[in-house]
Amino acid sequence: MRYSIGNRIRKYRENIGISQKELARRIGVTNSRVSNWEQGVNRPDADILVKLCVALSVSPSELLDVHLSDDDLSEHEWRLVRAYREKDGMRNAVDTLLGLNENTK
């Protein structure tokens, strides 16, 4: 079985102009792990996904190729998303609370 996430990792890595070695350094894994992901041999563990998104400057939905329709979230969840987008000053606090910015530059 080949994992398709590797193609997206490669695409986003190349879009920002970094090598596999540099990506590996940024997220704290070996170069061979990044190579295996990109070749579709295996896929990153869930605990690495946030680090990958930060290092590649992509959203989780972009990296995972998951696209939500309006029906996939409740009205309350959509209100949270809209509030997050509208309140720049709160984003850092929310990201900190959710553990999403631990590897920001």
PDB file of N, CA and C in Angstrom:
ATOM      1  N   MET A   1       0.838  -1.177   0.000  1.00  0.00           N
ATOM      2  CA  MET A   1       0.000   0.000   0.000  1.00  0.00           C
ATOM      3  C   MET A   1       0.887   1.245   0.000  1.00  0.00           C
ATOM      4  N   ARG A   2       0.573   2.182  -0.870  1.00  0.00           N
ATOM      5  CA  ARG A   2       1.301   3.450  -0.929  1.00  0.00           C
ATOM      6  C   ARG A   2       0.393   4.546  -0.372  1.00  0.00           C
ATOM      7  N   TYR A   3       0.988   5.411   0.430  1.00  0.00           N
ATOM      8  CA  TYR A   3       0.228   6.486   1.066  1.00  0.00           C
ATOM      9  C   TYR A   3       0.326   7.763   0.237  1.00  0.00           C
ATOM     10  N   SER A   4      -0.820   8.371  -0.020  1.00  0.00           N
ATOM     11  CA  SER A   4      -0.857   9.544  -0.901  1.00  0.00           C
ATOM     12  C   SER A   4      -0.420  10.833  -0.218  1.00  0.00           C
ATOM     13  N   ILE A   5      -0.348  10.864   1.101  1.00  0.00           N
ATOM     14  CA  ILE A   5       0.062  12.080   1.785  1.00  0.00           C
ATOM     15  C   ILE A   5       1.485  12.482   1.383  1.00  0.00           C
ATOM     16  N   GLY A   6       2.296  11.518   0.996  1.00  0.00           N
ATOM     17  CA  GLY A   6       3.681  11.796   0.611  1.00  0.00           C
ATOM     18  C   GLY A   6       3.788  12.761  -0.557  1.00  0.00           C
ATOM     19  N   ASN A   7       2.895  12.629  -1.511  1.00  0.00           N
ATOM     20  CA  ASN A   7       2.901  13.543  -2.658  1.00  0.00           C
ATOM     21  C   ASN A   7       2.637  14.983  -2.218  1.00  0.00           C
ATOM     22  N   ARG A   8       1.728  15.140  -1.256  1.00  0.00           N
ATOM     23  CA  ARG A   8       1.429  16.480  -0.771  1.00  0.00           C
ATOM     24  C   ARG A   8       2.584  17.034   0.067  1.00  0.00           C
ATOM     25  N   ILE A   9       3.204  16.193   0.874  1.00  0.00           N
ATOM     26  CA  ILE A   9       4.370  16.650   1.650  1.00  0.00           C
ATOM     27  C   ILE A   9       5.445  17.153   0.698  1.00  0.00           C
ATOM     28  N   ARG A  10       5.735  16.379  -0.340  1.00  0.00           N
ATOM     29  CA  ARG A  10       6.753  16.786  -1.320  1.00  0.00           C
ATOM     30  C   ARG A  10       6.368  18.106  -1.992  1.00  0.00           C
ATOM     31  N   LYS A  11       5.109  18.199  -2.423  1.00  0.00           N
ATOM     32  CA  LYS A  11       4.647  19.406  -3.121  1.00  0.00           C
ATOM     33  C   LYS A  11       4.811  20.637  -2.239  1.00  0.00           C
ATOM     34  N   TYR A  12       4.347  20.578  -1.004  1.00  0.00           N
ATOM     35  CA  TYR A  12       4.429  21.742  -0.128  1.00  0.00           C
ATOM     36  C   TYR A  12       5.874  22.035   0.275  1.00  0.00           C
ATOM     37  N   ARG A  13       6.685  21.002   0.435  1.00  0.00           N
ATOM     38  CA  ARG A  13       8.105  21.203   0.752  1.00  0.00           C
ATOM     39  C   ARG A  13       8.793  21.929  -0.397  1.00  0.00           C
ATOM     40  N   GLU A  14       8.555  21.470  -1.606  1.00  0.00           N
ATOM     41  CA  GLU A  14       9.164  22.103  -2.779  1.00  0.00           C
ATOM     42  C   GLU A  14       8.630  23.519  -2.989  1.00  0.00           C
ATOM     43  N   ASN A  15       7.353  23.747  -2.659  1.00  0.00           N
ATOM     44  CA  ASN A  15       6.769  25.087  -2.794  1.00  0.00           C
ATOM     45  C   ASN A  15       7.497  26.118  -1.937  1.00  0.00           C
ATOM     46  N   ILE A  16       7.986  25.693  -0.772  1.00  0.00           N
ATOM     47  CA  ILE A  16       8.701  26.648   0.081  1.00  0.00           C
ATOM     48  C   ILE A  16      10.216  26.548  -0.111  1.00  0.00           C
ATOM     49  N   GLY A  17      10.643  25.676  -1.004  1.00  0.00           N
ATOM     50  CA  GLY A  17      12.047  25.624  -1.397  1.00  0.00           C
ATOM     51  C   GLY A  17      13.003  25.055  -0.373  1.00  0.00           C
ATOM     52  N   ILE A  18      12.576  24.039   0.365  1.00  0.00           N
ATOM     53  CA  ILE A  18      13.493  23.418   1.316  1.00  0.00           C
ATOM     54  C   ILE A  18      13.734  21.955   0.934  1.00  0.00           C
ATOM     55  N   SER A  19      14.849  21.427   1.386  1.00  0.00           N
ATOM     56  CA  SER A  19      15.213  20.038   1.104  1.00  0.00           C
ATOM     57  C   SER A  19      14.532  19.105   2.111  1.00  0.00           C
ATOM     58  N   GLN A  20      14.574  17.816   1.811  1.00  0.00           N
ATOM     59  CA  GLN A  20      14.072  16.830   2.760  1.00  0.00           C
ATOM     60  C   GLN A  20      14.853  16.926   4.065  1.00  0.00           C
ATOM     61  N   LYS A  21      16.144  17.128   3.942  1.00  0.00           N
ATOM     62  CA  LYS A  21      17.000  17.228   5.125  1.00  0.00           C
ATOM     63  C   LYS A  21      16.587  18.414   5.999  1.00  0.00           C
ATOM     64  N   GLU A  22      16.288  19.550   5.375  1.00  0.00           N
ATOM     65  CA  GLU A  22      15.868  20.733   6.126  1.00  0.00           C
ATOM     66  C   GLU A  22      14.512  20.510   6.777  1.00  0.00           C
ATOM     67  N   LEU A  23      13.584  19.897   6.063  1.00  0.00           N
ATOM     68  CA  LEU A  23      12.280  19.600   6.656  1.00  0.00           C
ATOM     69  C   LEU A  23      12.456  18.679   7.857  1.00  0.00           C
ATOM     70  N   ALA A  24      13.274  17.660   7.706  1.00  0.00           N
ATOM     71  CA  ALA A  24      13.527  16.725   8.809  1.00  0.00           C
ATOM     72  C   ALA A  24      14.081  17.460  10.024  1.00  0.00           C
ATOM     73  N   ARG A  25      15.012  18.374   9.786  1.00  0.00           N
ATOM     74  CA  ARG A  25      15.605  19.138  10.883  1.00  0.00           C
ATOM     75  C   ARG A  25      14.544  19.978  11.589  1.00  0.00           C
ATOM     76  N   ARG A  26      13.680  20.619  10.804  1.00  0.00           N
ATOM     77  CA  ARG A  26      12.656  21.502  11.373  1.00  0.00           C
ATOM     78  C   ARG A  26      11.657  20.771  12.253  1.00  0.00           C
ATOM     79  N   ILE A  27      11.375  19.511  11.913  1.00  0.00           N
ATOM     80  CA  ILE A  27      10.350  18.787  12.688  1.00  0.00           C
ATOM     81  C   ILE A  27      10.937  17.734  13.619  1.00  0.00           C
ATOM     82  N   GLY A  28      12.266  17.609  13.617  1.00  0.00           N
ATOM     83  CA  GLY A  28      12.917  16.719  14.571  1.00  0.00           C
ATOM     84  C   GLY A  28      12.842  15.240  14.244  1.00  0.00           C
ATOM     85  N   VAL A  29      12.927  14.911  12.957  1.00  0.00           N
ATOM     86  CA  VAL A  29      12.961  13.507  12.540  1.00  0.00           C
ATOM     87  C   VAL A  29      14.165  13.300  11.627  1.00  0.00           C
ATOM     88  N   THR A  30      14.393  12.062  11.232  1.00  0.00           N
ATOM     89  CA  THR A  30      15.502  11.782  10.319  1.00  0.00           C
ATOM     90  C   THR A  30      15.099  12.065   8.879  1.00  0.00           C
ATOM     91  N   ASN A  31      16.103  12.326   8.072  1.00  0.00           N
ATOM     92  CA  ASN A  31      15.881  12.547   6.645  1.00  0.00           C
ATOM     93  C   ASN A  31      15.229  11.325   6.001  1.00  0.00           C
ATOM     94  N   SER A  32      15.609  10.141   6.442  1.00  0.00           N
ATOM     95  CA  SER A  32      15.036   8.928   5.843  1.00  0.00           C
ATOM     96  C   SER A  32      13.541   8.807   6.129  1.00  0.00           C
ATOM     97  N   ARG A  33      13.089   9.327   7.271  1.00  0.00           N
ATOM     98  CA  ARG A  33      11.643   9.304   7.546  1.00  0.00           C
ATOM     99  C   ARG A  33      10.894  10.178   6.549  1.00  0.00           C
ATOM    100  N   VAL A  34      11.422  11.374   6.311  1.00  0.00           N
ATOM    101  CA  VAL A  34      10.787  12.267   5.341  1.00  0.00           C
ATOM    102  C   VAL A  34      10.794  11.617   3.959  1.00  0.00           C
ATOM    103  N   SER A  35      11.901  11.020   3.584  1.00  0.00           N
ATOM    104  CA  SER A  35      12.001  10.347   2.290  1.00  0.00           C
ATOM    105  C   SER A  35      10.964   9.229   2.175  1.00  0.00           C
ATOM    106  N   ASN A  36      10.823   8.432   3.221  1.00  0.00           N
ATOM    107  CA  ASN A  36       9.839   7.339   3.202  1.00  0.00           C
ATOM    108  C   ASN A  36       8.413   7.871   3.082  1.00  0.00           C
ATOM    109  N   TRP A  37       8.122   8.981   3.753  1.00  0.00           N
ATOM    110  CA  TRP A  37       6.784   9.568   3.616  1.00  0.00           C
ATOM    111  C   TRP A  37       6.545   9.996   2.186  1.00  0.00           C
ATOM    112  N   GLU A  38       7.513  10.703   1.620  1.00  0.00           N
ATOM    113  CA  GLU A  38       7.335  11.225   0.265  1.00  0.00           C
ATOM    114  C   GLU A  38       7.244  10.121  -0.775  1.00  0.00           C
ATOM    115  N   GLN A  39       7.879   8.998  -0.515  1.00  0.00           N
ATOM    116  CA  GLN A  39       7.805   7.863  -1.438  1.00  0.00           C
ATOM    117  C   GLN A  39       6.541   7.039  -1.230  1.00  0.00           C
ATOM    118  N   GLY A  40       5.785   7.340  -0.180  1.00  0.00           N
ATOM    119  CA  GLY A  40       4.558   6.604   0.097  1.00  0.00           C
ATOM    120  C   GLY A  40       4.790   5.284   0.799  1.00  0.00           C
ATOM    121  N   VAL A  41       6.003   5.070   1.303  1.00  0.00           N
ATOM    122  CA  VAL A  41       6.326   3.827   2.011  1.00  0.00           C
ATOM    123  C   VAL A  41       5.563   3.753   3.325  1.00  0.00           C
ATOM    124  N   ASN A  42       5.522   4.865   4.037  1.00  0.00           N
ATOM    125  CA  ASN A  42       4.722   4.961   5.257  1.00  0.00           C
ATOM    126  C   ASN A  42       4.231   6.390   5.383  1.00  0.00           C
ATOM    127  N   ARG A  43       3.533   6.668   6.448  1.00  0.00           N
ATOM    128  CA  ARG A  43       2.972   8.002   6.627  1.00  0.00           C
ATOM    129  C   ARG A  43       3.362   8.533   7.998  1.00  0.00           C
ATOM    130  N   PRO A  44       3.330   9.854   8.157  1.00  0.00           N
ATOM    131  CA  PRO A  44       3.710  10.428   9.446  1.00  0.00           C
ATOM    132  C   PRO A  44       2.711  10.057  10.534  1.00  0.00           C
ATOM    133  N   ASP A  45       3.222   9.895  11.739  1.00  0.00           N
ATOM    134  CA  ASP A  45       2.352   9.646  12.882  1.00  0.00           C
ATOM    135  C   ASP A  45       1.541  10.905  13.183  1.00  0.00           C
ATOM    136  N   ALA A  46       0.433  10.732  13.846  1.00  0.00           N
ATOM    137  CA  ALA A  46      -0.454  11.857  14.158  1.00  0.00           C
ATOM    138  C   ALA A  46       0.256  12.944  14.949  1.00  0.00           C
ATOM    139  N   ASP A  47       1.178  12.571  15.834  1.00  0.00           N
ATOM    140  CA  ASP A  47       1.855  13.574  16.658  1.00  0.00           C
ATOM    141  C   ASP A  47       2.816  14.444  15.856  1.00  0.00           C
ATOM    142  N   ILE A  48       3.142  14.050  14.642  1.00  0.00           N
ATOM    143  CA  ILE A  48       4.045  14.815  13.778  1.00  0.00           C
ATOM    144  C   ILE A  48       3.279  15.770  12.866  1.00  0.00           C
ATOM    145  N   LEU A  49       1.993  15.547  12.681  1.00  0.00           N
ATOM    146  CA  LEU A  49       1.224  16.326  11.709  1.00  0.00           C
ATOM    147  C   LEU A  49       1.226  17.825  11.993  1.00  0.00           C
ATOM    148  N   VAL A  50       1.093  18.220  13.249  1.00  0.00           N
ATOM    149  CA  VAL A  50       1.098  19.648  13.568  1.00  0.00           C
ATOM    150  C   VAL A  50       2.452  20.247  13.211  1.00  0.00           C
ATOM    151  N   LYS A  51       3.528  19.545  13.552  1.00  0.00           N
ATOM    152  CA  LYS A  51       4.873  20.029  13.226  1.00  0.00           C
ATOM    153  C   LYS A  51       5.047  20.156  11.717  1.00  0.00           C
ATOM    154  N   LEU A  52       4.532  19.187  10.971  1.00  0.00           N
ATOM    155  CA  LEU A  52       4.612  19.250   9.510  1.00  0.00           C
ATOM    156  C   LEU A  52       3.852  20.456   8.967  1.00  0.00           C
ATOM    157  N   CYS A  53       2.664  20.677   9.468  1.00  0.00           N
ATOM    158  CA  CYS A  53       1.862  21.806   8.994  1.00  0.00           C
ATOM    159  C   CYS A  53       2.576  23.125   9.260  1.00  0.00           C
ATOM    160  N   VAL A  54       3.150  23.270  10.441  1.00  0.00           N
ATOM    161  CA  VAL A  54       3.874  24.499  10.778  1.00  0.00           C
ATOM    162  C   VAL A  54       5.086  24.651   9.868  1.00  0.00           C
ATOM    163  N   ALA A  55       5.871  23.589   9.719  1.00  0.00           N
ATOM    164  CA  ALA A  55       7.098  23.652   8.914  1.00  0.00           C
ATOM    165  C   ALA A  55       6.802  23.919   7.448  1.00  0.00           C
ATOM    166  N   LEU A  56       5.686  23.393   6.949  1.00  0.00           N
ATOM    167  CA  LEU A  56       5.336  23.553   5.532  1.00  0.00           C
ATOM    168  C   LEU A  56       4.414  24.745   5.279  1.00  0.00           C
ATOM    169  N   SER A  57       3.997  25.398   6.343  1.00  0.00           N
ATOM    170  CA  SER A  57       3.077  26.547   6.247  1.00  0.00           C
ATOM    171  C   SER A  57       1.785  26.187   5.517  1.00  0.00           C
ATOM    172  N   VAL A  58       1.185  25.073   5.919  1.00  0.00           N
ATOM    173  CA  VAL A  58      -0.085  24.636   5.344  1.00  0.00           C
ATOM    174  C   VAL A  58      -1.044  24.273   6.471  1.00  0.00           C
ATOM    175  N   SER A  59      -2.308  24.280   6.155  1.00  0.00           N
ATOM    176  CA  SER A  59      -3.316  23.876   7.132  1.00  0.00           C
ATOM    177  C   SER A  59      -3.393  22.350   7.163  1.00  0.00           C
ATOM    178  N   PRO A  60      -3.885  21.798   8.264  1.00  0.00           N
ATOM    179  CA  PRO A  60      -4.073  20.353   8.320  1.00  0.00           C
ATOM    180  C   PRO A  60      -4.978  19.836   7.206  1.00  0.00           C
ATOM    181  N   SER A  61      -6.022  20.590   6.879  1.00  0.00           N
ATOM    182  CA  SER A  61      -6.925  20.130   5.819  1.00  0.00           C
ATOM    183  C   SER A  61      -6.218  20.085   4.469  1.00  0.00           C
ATOM    184  N   GLU A  62      -5.294  21.028   4.218  1.00  0.00           N
ATOM    185  CA  GLU A  62      -4.523  20.983   2.974  1.00  0.00           C
ATOM    186  C   GLU A  62      -3.594  19.770   2.957  1.00  0.00           C
ATOM    187  N   LEU A  63      -2.875  19.574   4.044  1.00  0.00           N
ATOM    188  CA  LEU A  63      -1.917  18.473   4.097  1.00  0.00           C
ATOM    189  C   LEU A  63      -2.614  17.121   3.995  1.00  0.00           C
ATOM    190  N   LEU A  64      -3.740  16.983   4.679  1.00  0.00           N
ATOM    191  CA  LEU A  64      -4.458  15.710   4.688  1.00  0.00           C
ATOM    192  C   LEU A  64      -5.436  15.573   3.533  1.00  0.00           C
ATOM    193  N   ASP A  65      -5.612  16.647   2.761  1.00  0.00           N
ATOM    194  CA  ASP A  65      -6.553  16.674   1.643  1.00  0.00           C
ATOM    195  C   ASP A  65      -7.973  16.363   2.117  1.00  0.00           C
ATOM    196  N   VAL A  66      -8.344  17.043   3.205  1.00  0.00           N
ATOM    197  CA  VAL A  66      -9.684  16.905   3.773  1.00  0.00           C
ATOM    198  C   VAL A  66     -10.380  18.240   3.605  1.00  0.00           C
ATOM    199  N   HIS A  67     -11.514  18.217   2.953  1.00  0.00           N
ATOM    200  CA  HIS A  67     -12.252  19.448   2.696  1.00  0.00           C
ATOM    201  C   HIS A  67     -13.645  19.314   3.282  1.00  0.00           C
ATOM    202  N   LEU A  68     -13.963  20.217   4.199  1.00  0.00           N
ATOM    203  CA  LEU A  68     -15.253  20.160   4.875  1.00  0.00           C
ATOM    204  C   LEU A  68     -16.311  20.907   4.081  1.00  0.00           C
ATOM    205  N   SER A  69     -17.475  20.350   4.086  1.00  0.00           N
ATOM    206  CA  SER A  69     -18.615  21.071   3.514  1.00  0.00           C
ATOM    207  C   SER A  69     -19.344  21.748   4.662  1.00  0.00           C
ATOM    208  N   ASP A  70     -20.291  22.599   4.344  1.00  0.00           N
ATOM    209  CA  ASP A  70     -21.049  23.285   5.378  1.00  0.00           C
ATOM    210  C   ASP A  70     -21.762  22.320   6.308  1.00  0.00           C
ATOM    211  N   ASP A  71     -22.067  21.139   5.818  1.00  0.00           N
ATOM    212  CA  ASP A  71     -22.798  20.158   6.613  1.00  0.00           C
ATOM    213  C   ASP A  71     -21.904  19.414   7.599  1.00  0.00           C
ATOM    214  N   ASP A  72     -20.583  19.525   7.473  1.00  0.00           N
ATOM    215  CA  ASP A  72     -19.674  18.760   8.311  1.00  0.00           C
ATOM    216  C   ASP A  72     -19.452  19.361   9.692  1.00  0.00           C
ATOM    217  N   LEU A  73     -19.783  20.632   9.872  1.00  0.00           N
ATOM    218  CA  LEU A  73     -19.619  21.280  11.167  1.00  0.00           C
ATOM    219  C   LEU A  73     -20.963  21.789  11.664  1.00  0.00           C
ATOM    220  N   SER A  74     -21.125  21.770  12.986  1.00  0.00           N
ATOM    221  CA  SER A  74     -22.344  22.328  13.573  1.00  0.00           C
ATOM    222  C   SER A  74     -22.280  23.856  13.479  1.00  0.00           C
ATOM    223  N   GLU A  75     -23.395  24.504  13.716  1.00  0.00           N
ATOM    224  CA  GLU A  75     -23.424  25.968  13.689  1.00  0.00           C
ATOM    225  C   GLU A  75     -22.460  26.535  14.730  1.00  0.00           C
ATOM    226  N   HIS A  76     -22.409  25.934  15.897  1.00  0.00           N
ATOM    227  CA  HIS A  76     -21.477  26.387  16.944  1.00  0.00           C
ATOM    228  C   HIS A  76     -20.029  26.279  16.464  1.00  0.00           C
ATOM    229  N   GLU A  77     -19.691  25.180  15.817  1.00  0.00           N
ATOM    230  CA  GLU A  77     -18.321  25.012  15.306  1.00  0.00           C
ATOM    231  C   GLU A  77     -17.999  26.055  14.246  1.00  0.00           C
ATOM    232  N   TRP A  78     -18.957  26.367  13.365  1.00  0.00           N
ATOM    233  CA  TRP A  78     -18.729  27.401  12.352  1.00  0.00           C
ATOM    234  C   TRP A  78     -18.534  28.771  13.004  1.00  0.00           C
ATOM    235  N   ARG A  79     -19.291  29.049  14.080  1.00  0.00           N
ATOM    236  CA  ARG A  79     -19.116  30.322  14.787  1.00  0.00           C
ATOM    237  C   ARG A  79     -17.713  30.408  15.383  1.00  0.00           C
ATOM    238  N   LEU A  80     -17.215  29.302  15.902  1.00  0.00           N
ATOM    239  CA  LEU A  80     -15.843  29.286  16.432  1.00  0.00           C
ATOM    240  C   LEU A  80     -14.817  29.562  15.334  1.00  0.00           C
ATOM    241  N   VAL A  81     -15.002  28.946  14.187  1.00  0.00           N
ATOM    242  CA  VAL A  81     -14.082  29.153  13.068  1.00  0.00           C
ATOM    243  C   VAL A  81     -14.110  30.618  12.626  1.00  0.00           C
ATOM    244  N   ARG A  82     -15.313  31.171  12.482  1.00  0.00           N
ATOM    245  CA  ARG A  82     -15.423  32.576  12.059  1.00  0.00           C
ATOM    246  C   ARG A  82     -14.788  33.514  13.079  1.00  0.00           C
ATOM    247  N   ALA A  83     -15.036  33.267  14.368  1.00  0.00           N
ATOM    248  CA  ALA A  83     -14.450  34.119  15.412  1.00  0.00           C
ATOM    249  C   ALA A  83     -12.933  34.022  15.397  1.00  0.00           C
ATOM    250  N   TYR A  84     -12.408  32.826  15.203  1.00  0.00           N
ATOM    251  CA  TYR A  84     -10.960  32.641  15.143  1.00  0.00           C
ATOM    252  C   TYR A  84     -10.359  33.449  14.000  1.00  0.00           C
ATOM    253  N   ARG A  85     -11.010  33.404  12.856  1.00  0.00           N
ATOM    254  CA  ARG A  85     -10.521  34.125  11.682  1.00  0.00           C
ATOM    255  C   ARG A  85     -10.608  35.635  11.844  1.00  0.00           C
ATOM    256  N   GLU A  86     -11.619  36.110  12.561  1.00  0.00           N
ATOM    257  CA  GLU A  86     -11.854  37.545  12.681  1.00  0.00           C
ATOM    258  C   GLU A  86     -11.046  38.211  13.789  1.00  0.00           C
ATOM    259  N   LYS A  87     -10.571  37.477  14.750  1.00  0.00           N
ATOM    260  CA  LYS A  87      -9.905  38.064  15.910  1.00  0.00           C
ATOM    261  C   LYS A  87      -8.429  37.690  15.929  1.00  0.00           C
ATOM    262  N   ASP A  88      -7.654  38.463  15.157  1.00  0.00           N
ATOM    263  CA  ASP A  88      -6.219  38.197  15.035  1.00  0.00           C
ATOM    264  C   ASP A  88      -5.520  38.110  16.386  1.00  0.00           C
ATOM    265  N   GLY A  89      -5.864  38.987  17.298  1.00  0.00           N
ATOM    266  CA  GLY A  89      -5.202  39.019  18.598  1.00  0.00           C
ATOM    267  C   GLY A  89      -5.431  37.776  19.430  1.00  0.00           C
ATOM    268  N   MET A  90      -6.480  37.069  19.180  1.00  0.00           N
ATOM    269  CA  MET A  90      -6.798  35.874  19.956  1.00  0.00           C
ATOM    270  C   MET A  90      -6.184  34.606  19.372  1.00  0.00           C
ATOM    271  N   ARG A  91      -5.770  34.654  18.128  1.00  0.00           N
ATOM    272  CA  ARG A  91      -5.257  33.449  17.472  1.00  0.00           C
ATOM    273  C   ARG A  91      -4.095  32.827  18.223  1.00  0.00           C
ATOM    274  N   ASN A  92      -3.133  33.646  18.640  1.00  0.00           N
ATOM    275  CA  ASN A  92      -1.971  33.120  19.338  1.00  0.00           C
ATOM    276  C   ASN A  92      -2.379  32.425  20.639  1.00  0.00           C
ATOM    277  N   ALA A  93      -3.315  33.043  21.373  1.00  0.00           N
ATOM    278  CA  ALA A  93      -3.777  32.450  22.629  1.00  0.00           C
ATOM    279  C   ALA A  93      -4.486  31.121  22.379  1.00  0.00           C
ATOM    280  N   VAL A  94      -5.340  31.089  21.376  1.00  0.00           N
ATOM    281  CA  VAL A  94      -6.055  29.849  21.042  1.00  0.00           C
ATOM    282  C   VAL A  94      -5.059  28.771  20.597  1.00  0.00           C
ATOM    283  N   ASP A  95      -4.121  29.141  19.733  1.00  0.00           N
ATOM    284  CA  ASP A  95      -3.120  28.188  19.270  1.00  0.00           C
ATOM    285  C   ASP A  95      -2.305  27.645  20.435  1.00  0.00           C
ATOM    286  N   THR A  96      -1.954  28.514  21.373  1.00  0.00           N
ATOM    287  CA  THR A  96      -1.196  28.080  22.555  1.00  0.00           C
ATOM    288  C   THR A  96      -2.015  27.100  23.381  1.00  0.00           C
ATOM    289  N   LEU A  97      -3.269  27.434  23.625  1.00  0.00           N
ATOM    290  CA  LEU A  97      -4.137  26.549  24.399  1.00  0.00           C
ATOM    291  C   LEU A  97      -4.306  25.180  23.748  1.00  0.00           C
ATOM    292  N   LEU A  98      -4.336  25.173  22.425  1.00  0.00           N
ATOM    293  CA  LEU A  98      -4.523  23.915  21.695  1.00  0.00           C
ATOM    294  C   LEU A  98      -3.196  23.221  21.376  1.00  0.00           C
ATOM    295  N   GLY A  99      -2.081  23.839  21.736  1.00  0.00           N
ATOM    296  CA  GLY A  99      -0.781  23.237  21.490  1.00  0.00           C
ATOM    297  C   GLY A  99      -0.376  23.273  20.030  1.00  0.00           C
ATOM    298  N   LEU A 100      -0.852  24.260  19.277  1.00  0.00           N
ATOM    299  CA  LEU A 100      -0.590  24.317  17.853  1.00  0.00           C
ATOM    300  C   LEU A 100       0.593  25.181  17.474  1.00  0.00           C
ATOM    301  N   ASN A 101       1.114  25.981  18.387  1.00  0.00           N
ATOM    302  CA  ASN A 101       2.192  26.878  18.008  1.00  0.00           C
ATOM    303  C   ASN A 101       3.503  26.576  18.707  1.00  0.00           C
ATOM    304  N   GLU A 102       3.664  25.376  19.181  1.00  0.00           N
ATOM    305  CA  GLU A 102       4.872  25.036  19.918  1.00  0.00           C
ATOM    306  C   GLU A 102       6.133  25.088  19.064  1.00  0.00           C
ATOM    307  N   ASN A 103       6.009  25.001  17.740  1.00  0.00           N
ATOM    308  CA  ASN A 103       7.198  24.989  16.877  1.00  0.00           C
ATOM    309  C   ASN A 103       7.254  26.183  15.945  1.00  0.00           C
ATOM    310  N   THR A 104       6.505  27.227  16.268  1.00  0.00           N
ATOM    311  CA  THR A 104       6.582  28.395  15.393  1.00  0.00           C
ATOM    312  C   THR A 104       7.920  29.069  15.535  1.00  0.00           C
ATOM    313  N   LYS A 105       8.311  29.785  14.494  1.00  0.00           N
ATOM    314  CA  LYS A 105       9.619  30.416  14.459  1.00  0.00           C
ATOM    315  C   LYS A 105       9.657  31.643  15.332  1.00  0.00           C
TER     316      LYS A 105
END
